[in-house]
Amino acid sequence: MTCPDGSFLNSMNQCVTCRNDEYFFDNTCVSTCPYSYQQNQAKGICEKCPTGCTSCSTSAKCETCSRGYYLDTTTYTCKACAKNCAACSSATTCDACKDPYLLSALKTCVKSCSADEYIDSSLIEVVKCSKCQEQNCKTCSQNGCLTCSPGFYMDFNLQ
């Protein structure tokens, strides 16, 4: 069975015509398309956004991306983050890492922090490596310097 233009065949083999302010989706007419679908006004249907898109202006042009993807503003497509990255803002900038990885000061995911960094878990949802704050510090913790760079020593008499 085929339906006339502007009508859609639902799961019960019936032709359905949506009102002008509605869109055909999942065998019914809806006033707004669901998450990760866009309204195709010309066809009167809800079209799935491309993979990784949470919202799109056309079926090929993404506006926002799912977690684990970033928006390529040249092609307006969502591209996957690097392998161990849970959230990113570009191909080379990670914002959060998958367990058990840590976010380095260079915005990449690493298995452990470098010697001049410490594990900083002060942020909600992001465990990252932060650089030692003290100058000439070789190793540190969140509480401060633990060992000094060669040629320097700890001064415990500072007030």
N, C-alpha and C. Protein backbone atom coordinates (compact mmCIF):
# COMPACT_ATOMS: atom_id res chain seq x y z
N MET A 1 0.84 -1.18 0.00
CA MET A 1 0.00 0.00 0.00
C MET A 1 0.89 1.25 0.00
N THR A 2 0.55 2.22 -0.77
CA THR A 2 1.27 3.49 -0.80
C THR A 2 0.32 4.60 -0.39
N CYS A 3 0.89 5.61 0.24
CA CYS A 3 0.09 6.74 0.71
C CYS A 3 0.34 7.94 -0.22
N PRO A 4 -0.63 8.85 -0.29
CA PRO A 4 -0.43 10.05 -1.10
C PRO A 4 0.64 10.95 -0.46
N ASP A 5 1.20 11.87 -1.25
CA ASP A 5 2.21 12.80 -0.72
C ASP A 5 1.70 13.49 0.54
N GLY A 6 2.58 13.61 1.53
CA GLY A 6 2.21 14.26 2.79
C GLY A 6 1.60 13.31 3.79
N SER A 7 1.38 12.05 3.41
CA SER A 7 0.83 11.05 4.32
C SER A 7 1.87 9.95 4.50
N PHE A 8 1.76 9.24 5.63
CA PHE A 8 2.74 8.22 5.95
C PHE A 8 2.04 6.94 6.37
N LEU A 9 2.64 5.84 6.01
CA LEU A 9 2.09 4.53 6.36
C LEU A 9 2.56 4.16 7.75
N ASN A 10 1.60 3.92 8.66
CA ASN A 10 1.99 3.53 10.01
C ASN A 10 2.07 2.02 10.13
N SER A 11 2.35 1.52 11.33
CA SER A 11 2.55 0.08 11.55
C SER A 11 1.27 -0.73 11.35
N MET A 12 0.10 -0.06 11.31
CA MET A 12 -1.17 -0.77 11.12
C MET A 12 -1.65 -0.66 9.68
N ASN A 13 -0.70 -0.33 8.77
CA ASN A 13 -1.01 -0.18 7.34
C ASN A 13 -2.09 0.87 7.07
N GLN A 14 -2.04 1.95 7.83
CA GLN A 14 -2.98 3.05 7.63
C GLN A 14 -2.19 4.29 7.22
N CYS A 15 -2.76 5.07 6.32
CA CYS A 15 -2.13 6.33 5.93
C CYS A 15 -2.45 7.38 6.99
N VAL A 16 -1.43 8.03 7.49
CA VAL A 16 -1.57 9.06 8.52
C VAL A 16 -1.11 10.38 7.93
N THR A 17 -1.89 11.43 8.14
CA THR A 17 -1.52 12.77 7.71
C THR A 17 -1.38 13.64 8.95
N CYS A 18 -0.22 14.22 9.13
CA CYS A 18 0.01 15.09 10.29
C CYS A 18 -0.43 16.51 9.95
N ARG A 19 -0.77 17.26 11.00
CA ARG A 19 -1.11 18.68 10.81
C ARG A 19 0.14 19.44 10.39
N ASN A 20 -0.04 20.67 9.92
CA ASN A 20 1.09 21.49 9.45
C ASN A 20 2.14 21.73 10.52
N ASP A 21 1.74 21.79 11.79
CA ASP A 21 2.69 22.06 12.87
C ASP A 21 3.17 20.77 13.55
N GLU A 22 2.98 19.62 12.89
CA GLU A 22 3.40 18.34 13.45
C GLU A 22 4.32 17.60 12.48
N TYR A 23 5.02 16.59 13.04
CA TYR A 23 5.98 15.80 12.27
C TYR A 23 5.73 14.33 12.54
N PHE A 24 5.89 13.52 11.50
CA PHE A 24 5.69 12.07 11.64
C PHE A 24 6.94 11.46 12.27
N PHE A 25 6.72 10.71 13.38
CA PHE A 25 7.82 10.04 14.07
C PHE A 25 7.27 8.80 14.79
N ASP A 26 7.93 7.67 14.57
CA ASP A 26 7.60 6.43 15.27
C ASP A 26 6.10 6.11 15.19
N ASN A 27 5.57 6.15 13.97
CA ASN A 27 4.17 5.79 13.67
C ASN A 27 3.13 6.74 14.23
N THR A 28 3.54 7.95 14.57
CA THR A 28 2.58 8.91 15.10
C THR A 28 3.01 10.34 14.73
N CYS A 29 2.14 11.30 14.98
CA CYS A 29 2.43 12.70 14.73
C CYS A 29 2.85 13.36 16.04
N VAL A 30 3.96 14.10 16.02
CA VAL A 30 4.47 14.78 17.22
C VAL A 30 4.65 16.26 16.91
N SER A 31 4.54 17.10 17.96
CA SER A 31 4.71 18.55 17.75
C SER A 31 6.18 18.94 17.74
N THR A 32 7.02 18.19 18.45
CA THR A 32 8.46 18.42 18.42
C THR A 32 9.17 17.07 18.28
N CYS A 33 10.26 17.09 17.57
CA CYS A 33 11.03 15.86 17.38
C CYS A 33 11.85 15.56 18.63
N PRO A 34 12.07 14.30 18.93
CA PRO A 34 12.83 13.95 20.14
C PRO A 34 14.32 14.26 20.01
N TYR A 35 14.98 14.11 21.13
CA TYR A 35 16.42 14.29 21.26
C TYR A 35 17.15 13.54 20.15
N SER A 36 18.10 14.17 19.53
CA SER A 36 18.95 13.66 18.44
C SER A 36 18.20 13.44 17.11
N TYR A 37 17.05 14.09 16.97
CA TYR A 37 16.30 14.12 15.71
C TYR A 37 16.06 15.58 15.36
N GLN A 38 15.92 15.86 14.07
CA GLN A 38 15.62 17.23 13.64
C GLN A 38 14.35 17.23 12.80
N GLN A 39 13.70 18.36 12.80
CA GLN A 39 12.44 18.50 12.07
C GLN A 39 12.72 18.84 10.62
N ASN A 40 12.28 17.98 9.72
CA ASN A 40 12.36 18.26 8.29
C ASN A 40 11.00 18.80 7.88
N GLN A 41 10.92 20.12 7.80
CA GLN A 41 9.64 20.76 7.51
C GLN A 41 9.14 20.44 6.11
N ALA A 42 10.04 20.32 5.16
CA ALA A 42 9.65 20.03 3.77
C ALA A 42 8.96 18.67 3.67
N LYS A 43 9.47 17.69 4.39
CA LYS A 43 8.92 16.33 4.34
C LYS A 43 7.90 16.06 5.44
N GLY A 44 7.87 16.91 6.48
CA GLY A 44 6.94 16.71 7.59
C GLY A 44 7.32 15.52 8.47
N ILE A 45 8.61 15.23 8.57
CA ILE A 45 9.06 14.08 9.36
C ILE A 45 10.20 14.49 10.31
N CYS A 46 10.44 13.64 11.29
CA CYS A 46 11.60 13.78 12.16
C CYS A 46 12.71 12.91 11.57
N GLU A 47 13.86 13.52 11.32
CA GLU A 47 15.00 12.79 10.76
C GLU A 47 16.08 12.64 11.82
N LYS A 48 16.69 11.47 11.87
CA LYS A 48 17.76 11.17 12.81
C LYS A 48 18.97 12.04 12.48
N CYS A 49 19.56 12.64 13.52
CA CYS A 49 20.81 13.38 13.34
C CYS A 49 21.94 12.38 13.11
N PRO A 50 23.05 12.81 12.52
CA PRO A 50 24.19 11.90 12.31
C PRO A 50 24.73 11.35 13.62
N THR A 51 25.50 10.28 13.55
CA THR A 51 26.09 9.64 14.72
C THR A 51 26.86 10.65 15.56
N GLY A 52 26.61 10.63 16.86
CA GLY A 52 27.31 11.52 17.79
C GLY A 52 26.62 12.85 18.02
N CYS A 53 25.64 13.20 17.18
CA CYS A 53 24.94 14.48 17.32
C CYS A 53 23.82 14.40 18.35
N THR A 54 23.71 15.44 19.17
CA THR A 54 22.56 15.54 20.06
C THR A 54 21.53 16.49 19.47
N SER A 55 21.98 17.42 18.63
CA SER A 55 21.05 18.29 17.90
C SER A 55 21.68 18.65 16.57
N CYS A 56 20.82 18.83 15.56
CA CYS A 56 21.31 19.15 14.22
C CYS A 56 20.29 20.05 13.53
N SER A 57 20.78 20.86 12.59
CA SER A 57 19.88 21.75 11.85
C SER A 57 19.38 21.09 10.57
N THR A 58 20.15 20.14 10.06
CA THR A 58 19.71 19.30 8.94
C THR A 58 20.20 17.89 9.26
N SER A 59 19.84 16.93 8.44
CA SER A 59 20.25 15.56 8.73
C SER A 59 21.75 15.37 8.52
N ALA A 60 22.44 16.40 8.05
CA ALA A 60 23.89 16.30 7.84
C ALA A 60 24.70 17.36 8.58
N LYS A 61 24.03 18.31 9.27
CA LYS A 61 24.74 19.42 9.92
C LYS A 61 24.48 19.42 11.43
N CYS A 62 25.49 18.98 12.19
CA CYS A 62 25.37 18.91 13.65
C CYS A 62 25.57 20.29 14.28
N GLU A 63 24.89 20.49 15.40
CA GLU A 63 25.05 21.72 16.18
C GLU A 63 25.72 21.42 17.53
N THR A 64 25.34 20.31 18.15
CA THR A 64 25.95 19.88 19.42
C THR A 64 26.20 18.38 19.36
N CYS A 65 27.18 17.94 20.14
CA CYS A 65 27.59 16.53 20.10
C CYS A 65 27.37 15.84 21.44
N SER A 66 27.27 14.53 21.38
CA SER A 66 27.17 13.68 22.58
C SER A 66 28.51 13.67 23.28
N ARG A 67 28.49 13.28 24.55
CA ARG A 67 29.74 13.10 25.31
C ARG A 67 30.56 12.03 24.60
N GLY A 68 31.85 12.27 24.45
CA GLY A 68 32.71 11.35 23.72
C GLY A 68 32.92 11.76 22.27
N TYR A 69 32.31 12.89 21.88
CA TYR A 69 32.45 13.45 20.54
C TYR A 69 32.72 14.95 20.65
N TYR A 70 33.30 15.52 19.61
CA TYR A 70 33.49 16.97 19.54
C TYR A 70 32.97 17.44 18.18
N LEU A 71 32.58 18.70 18.12
CA LEU A 71 32.04 19.28 16.89
C LEU A 71 33.18 19.80 16.01
N ASP A 72 33.31 19.23 14.83
CA ASP A 72 34.25 19.72 13.83
C ASP A 72 33.55 20.88 13.12
N THR A 73 33.99 22.10 13.39
CA THR A 73 33.31 23.28 12.86
C THR A 73 33.58 23.52 11.38
N THR A 74 34.46 22.75 10.78
CA THR A 74 34.69 22.85 9.34
C THR A 74 33.63 22.06 8.58
N THR A 75 33.33 20.85 9.07
CA THR A 75 32.36 19.97 8.39
C THR A 75 31.02 19.90 9.10
N TYR A 76 30.92 20.47 10.29
CA TYR A 76 29.72 20.40 11.14
C TYR A 76 29.28 18.96 11.37
N THR A 77 30.27 18.11 11.62
CA THR A 77 30.00 16.72 11.99
C THR A 77 30.61 16.48 13.36
N CYS A 78 30.10 15.48 14.05
CA CYS A 78 30.65 15.11 15.35
C CYS A 78 31.66 13.99 15.13
N LYS A 79 32.84 14.19 15.67
CA LYS A 79 33.91 13.21 15.53
C LYS A 79 34.26 12.66 16.90
N ALA A 80 34.63 11.39 16.93
CA ALA A 80 34.94 10.72 18.19
C ALA A 80 36.19 11.30 18.84
N CYS A 81 36.15 11.37 20.17
CA CYS A 81 37.32 11.79 20.94
C CYS A 81 38.41 10.72 20.83
N ALA A 82 39.61 11.06 21.25
CA ALA A 82 40.73 10.12 21.27
C ALA A 82 40.37 8.89 22.11
N LYS A 83 41.08 7.81 21.91
CA LYS A 83 40.78 6.49 22.48
C LYS A 83 40.42 6.48 23.97
N ASN A 84 41.22 7.08 24.83
CA ASN A 84 41.00 7.02 26.27
C ASN A 84 40.29 8.25 26.83
N CYS A 85 39.80 9.09 25.95
CA CYS A 85 39.17 10.35 26.32
C CYS A 85 37.64 10.17 26.42
N ALA A 86 37.07 10.59 27.55
CA ALA A 86 35.61 10.48 27.74
C ALA A 86 34.87 11.70 27.20
N ALA A 87 35.50 12.86 27.24
CA ALA A 87 34.90 14.10 26.73
C ALA A 87 36.02 14.98 26.19
N CYS A 88 35.76 15.64 25.05
CA CYS A 88 36.81 16.47 24.44
C CYS A 88 36.19 17.67 23.75
N SER A 89 37.04 18.67 23.50
CA SER A 89 36.59 19.85 22.77
C SER A 89 37.24 19.96 21.40
N SER A 90 38.21 19.09 21.11
CA SER A 90 38.82 19.00 19.79
C SER A 90 39.53 17.65 19.67
N ALA A 91 40.14 17.40 18.52
CA ALA A 91 40.84 16.13 18.31
C ALA A 91 42.04 15.99 19.24
N THR A 92 42.59 17.11 19.68
CA THR A 92 43.80 17.08 20.52
C THR A 92 43.59 17.59 21.94
N THR A 93 42.37 18.00 22.28
CA THR A 93 42.10 18.55 23.61
C THR A 93 41.06 17.70 24.33
N CYS A 94 41.52 16.95 25.32
CA CYS A 94 40.63 16.13 26.13
C CYS A 94 40.20 16.92 27.36
N ASP A 95 38.95 16.79 27.77
CA ASP A 95 38.43 17.50 28.94
C ASP A 95 38.18 16.55 30.11
N ALA A 96 38.01 15.27 29.84
CA ALA A 96 37.83 14.24 30.87
C ALA A 96 38.26 12.90 30.28
N CYS A 97 38.84 12.05 31.13
CA CYS A 97 39.36 10.76 30.66
C CYS A 97 38.52 9.59 31.17
N LYS A 98 38.60 8.48 30.45
CA LYS A 98 37.96 7.24 30.87
C LYS A 98 38.79 6.64 32.01
N ASP A 99 38.14 5.94 32.94
CA ASP A 99 38.87 5.24 34.00
C ASP A 99 39.77 4.20 33.38
N PRO A 100 40.95 3.97 33.83
CA PRO A 100 41.64 4.55 34.99
C PRO A 100 42.56 5.70 34.60
N TYR A 101 42.35 6.33 33.46
CA TYR A 101 43.26 7.36 32.97
C TYR A 101 43.07 8.69 33.68
N LEU A 102 44.11 9.51 33.66
CA LEU A 102 44.13 10.82 34.29
C LEU A 102 44.32 11.88 33.22
N LEU A 103 43.76 13.05 33.44
CA LEU A 103 43.90 14.15 32.50
C LEU A 103 45.20 14.89 32.80
N SER A 104 46.11 14.90 31.83
CA SER A 104 47.41 15.56 32.04
C SER A 104 47.26 17.07 31.88
N ALA A 105 48.29 17.80 32.29
CA ALA A 105 48.31 19.25 32.13
C ALA A 105 48.26 19.64 30.65
N LEU A 106 48.67 18.72 29.78
CA LEU A 106 48.65 18.96 28.33
C LEU A 106 47.31 18.60 27.70
N LYS A 107 46.31 18.25 28.55
CA LYS A 107 44.95 17.89 28.10
C LYS A 107 44.92 16.61 27.28
N THR A 108 45.76 15.64 27.65
CA THR A 108 45.73 14.30 27.08
C THR A 108 45.51 13.32 28.22
N CYS A 109 45.16 12.09 27.91
CA CYS A 109 44.91 11.07 28.94
C CYS A 109 46.16 10.22 29.14
N VAL A 110 46.57 10.09 30.39
CA VAL A 110 47.78 9.35 30.74
C VAL A 110 47.47 8.35 31.85
N LYS A 111 48.33 7.32 31.97
CA LYS A 111 48.13 6.32 33.01
C LYS A 111 48.63 6.80 34.37
N SER A 112 49.64 7.70 34.36
CA SER A 112 50.14 8.26 35.62
C SER A 112 50.68 9.66 35.36
N CYS A 113 50.72 10.45 36.40
CA CYS A 113 51.21 11.82 36.27
C CYS A 113 52.73 11.82 36.17
N SER A 114 53.29 12.86 35.54
CA SER A 114 54.75 12.99 35.48
C SER A 114 55.26 13.39 36.86
N ALA A 115 56.58 13.31 37.06
CA ALA A 115 57.19 13.56 38.37
C ALA A 115 56.86 14.95 38.92
N ASP A 116 56.74 15.95 38.06
CA ASP A 116 56.48 17.32 38.54
C ASP A 116 54.98 17.64 38.59
N GLU A 117 54.16 16.59 38.66
CA GLU A 117 52.70 16.76 38.77
C GLU A 117 52.18 15.88 39.92
N TYR A 118 50.98 16.19 40.38
CA TYR A 118 50.32 15.37 41.39
C TYR A 118 48.89 15.08 40.94
N ILE A 119 48.29 14.02 41.50
CA ILE A 119 46.91 13.67 41.17
C ILE A 119 45.98 14.62 41.91
N ASP A 120 45.24 15.38 41.15
CA ASP A 120 44.32 16.39 41.69
C ASP A 120 42.89 15.90 41.51
N SER A 121 42.26 15.55 42.60
CA SER A 121 40.88 15.04 42.53
C SER A 121 39.90 16.05 43.12
N SER A 122 40.27 17.33 43.11
CA SER A 122 39.42 18.37 43.71
C SER A 122 38.22 18.73 42.83
N LEU A 123 38.30 18.41 41.55
CA LEU A 123 37.19 18.73 40.64
C LEU A 123 36.18 17.57 40.60
N ILE A 124 34.92 17.90 40.47
CA ILE A 124 33.88 16.88 40.35
C ILE A 124 33.99 16.24 38.97
N GLU A 125 33.99 14.92 38.89
CA GLU A 125 33.99 14.12 37.66
C GLU A 125 35.30 14.10 36.88
N VAL A 126 36.28 14.94 37.23
CA VAL A 126 37.54 14.95 36.48
C VAL A 126 38.71 14.74 37.45
N VAL A 127 39.44 13.66 37.27
CA VAL A 127 40.66 13.45 38.03
C VAL A 127 41.79 13.82 37.08
N LYS A 128 42.60 14.79 37.50
CA LYS A 128 43.62 15.29 36.59
C LYS A 128 44.98 15.40 37.26
N CYS A 129 45.99 15.59 36.43
CA CYS A 129 47.34 15.84 36.89
C CYS A 129 47.53 17.35 36.91
N SER A 130 47.99 17.88 38.05
CA SER A 130 48.26 19.31 38.16
C SER A 130 49.74 19.51 38.41
N LYS A 131 50.30 20.55 37.81
CA LYS A 131 51.72 20.87 37.98
C LYS A 131 51.99 21.31 39.41
N CYS A 132 53.20 20.97 39.91
CA CYS A 132 53.63 21.45 41.22
C CYS A 132 53.62 22.98 41.20
N GLN A 133 53.15 23.58 42.27
CA GLN A 133 53.04 25.04 42.32
C GLN A 133 54.35 25.73 42.70
N GLU A 134 55.16 25.06 43.52
CA GLU A 134 56.40 25.66 43.99
C GLU A 134 57.48 25.58 42.92
N GLN A 135 58.25 26.63 42.78
CA GLN A 135 59.37 26.65 41.84
C GLN A 135 60.47 25.72 42.34
N ASN A 136 61.14 25.03 41.45
CA ASN A 136 62.24 24.12 41.75
C ASN A 136 61.81 22.90 42.56
N CYS A 137 60.56 22.53 42.43
CA CYS A 137 60.03 21.34 43.11
C CYS A 137 60.12 20.16 42.14
N LYS A 138 60.70 19.07 42.59
CA LYS A 138 60.85 17.88 41.73
C LYS A 138 59.61 16.99 41.80
N THR A 139 59.13 16.71 43.01
CA THR A 139 57.90 15.94 43.20
C THR A 139 57.03 16.66 44.23
N CYS A 140 55.70 16.46 44.09
CA CYS A 140 54.79 17.17 44.99
C CYS A 140 53.51 16.38 45.20
N SER A 141 52.70 16.87 46.12
CA SER A 141 51.35 16.34 46.35
C SER A 141 50.41 17.54 46.36
N GLN A 142 49.17 17.29 46.64
CA GLN A 142 48.20 18.38 46.72
C GLN A 142 48.56 19.35 47.84
N ASN A 143 49.31 18.85 48.82
CA ASN A 143 49.67 19.67 49.98
C ASN A 143 50.96 20.47 49.79
N GLY A 144 51.69 20.23 48.69
CA GLY A 144 52.91 21.00 48.45
C GLY A 144 54.07 20.14 47.99
N CYS A 145 55.26 20.74 48.06
CA CYS A 145 56.48 20.11 47.56
C CYS A 145 56.93 18.96 48.48
N LEU A 146 57.34 17.85 47.86
CA LEU A 146 57.85 16.69 48.61
C LEU A 146 59.36 16.58 48.49
N THR A 147 59.91 16.79 47.28
CA THR A 147 61.35 16.79 47.07
C THR A 147 61.71 17.91 46.11
N CYS A 148 62.95 18.39 46.25
CA CYS A 148 63.40 19.53 45.44
C CYS A 148 64.21 19.07 44.24
N SER A 149 64.29 19.95 43.25
CA SER A 149 65.14 19.71 42.08
C SER A 149 66.59 19.72 42.54
N PRO A 150 67.49 19.04 41.78
CA PRO A 150 68.91 19.02 42.16
C PRO A 150 69.45 20.43 42.38
N GLY A 151 70.23 20.61 43.48
CA GLY A 151 70.82 21.90 43.81
C GLY A 151 69.94 22.75 44.71
N PHE A 152 68.74 22.26 45.04
CA PHE A 152 67.83 23.00 45.92
C PHE A 152 67.47 22.13 47.12
N TYR A 153 67.08 22.75 48.23
CA TYR A 153 66.70 21.99 49.42
C TYR A 153 65.44 22.59 50.02
N MET A 154 64.77 21.79 50.84
CA MET A 154 63.54 22.23 51.50
C MET A 154 63.91 23.18 52.64
N ASP A 155 63.24 24.31 52.72
CA ASP A 155 63.45 25.25 53.82
C ASP A 155 62.23 25.19 54.72
N PHE A 156 62.39 24.49 55.83
CA PHE A 156 61.26 24.30 56.75
C PHE A 156 61.10 25.46 57.72
N ASN A 157 61.99 26.48 57.64
CA ASN A 157 61.93 27.61 58.57
C ASN A 157 61.12 28.76 58.02
N LEU A 158 60.48 28.58 56.83
CA LEU A 158 59.64 29.64 56.26
C LEU A 158 58.41 29.85 57.12
N GLN A 159 58.03 31.11 57.30
CA GLN A 159 56.83 31.37 58.10
C GLN A 159 55.74 31.90 57.24
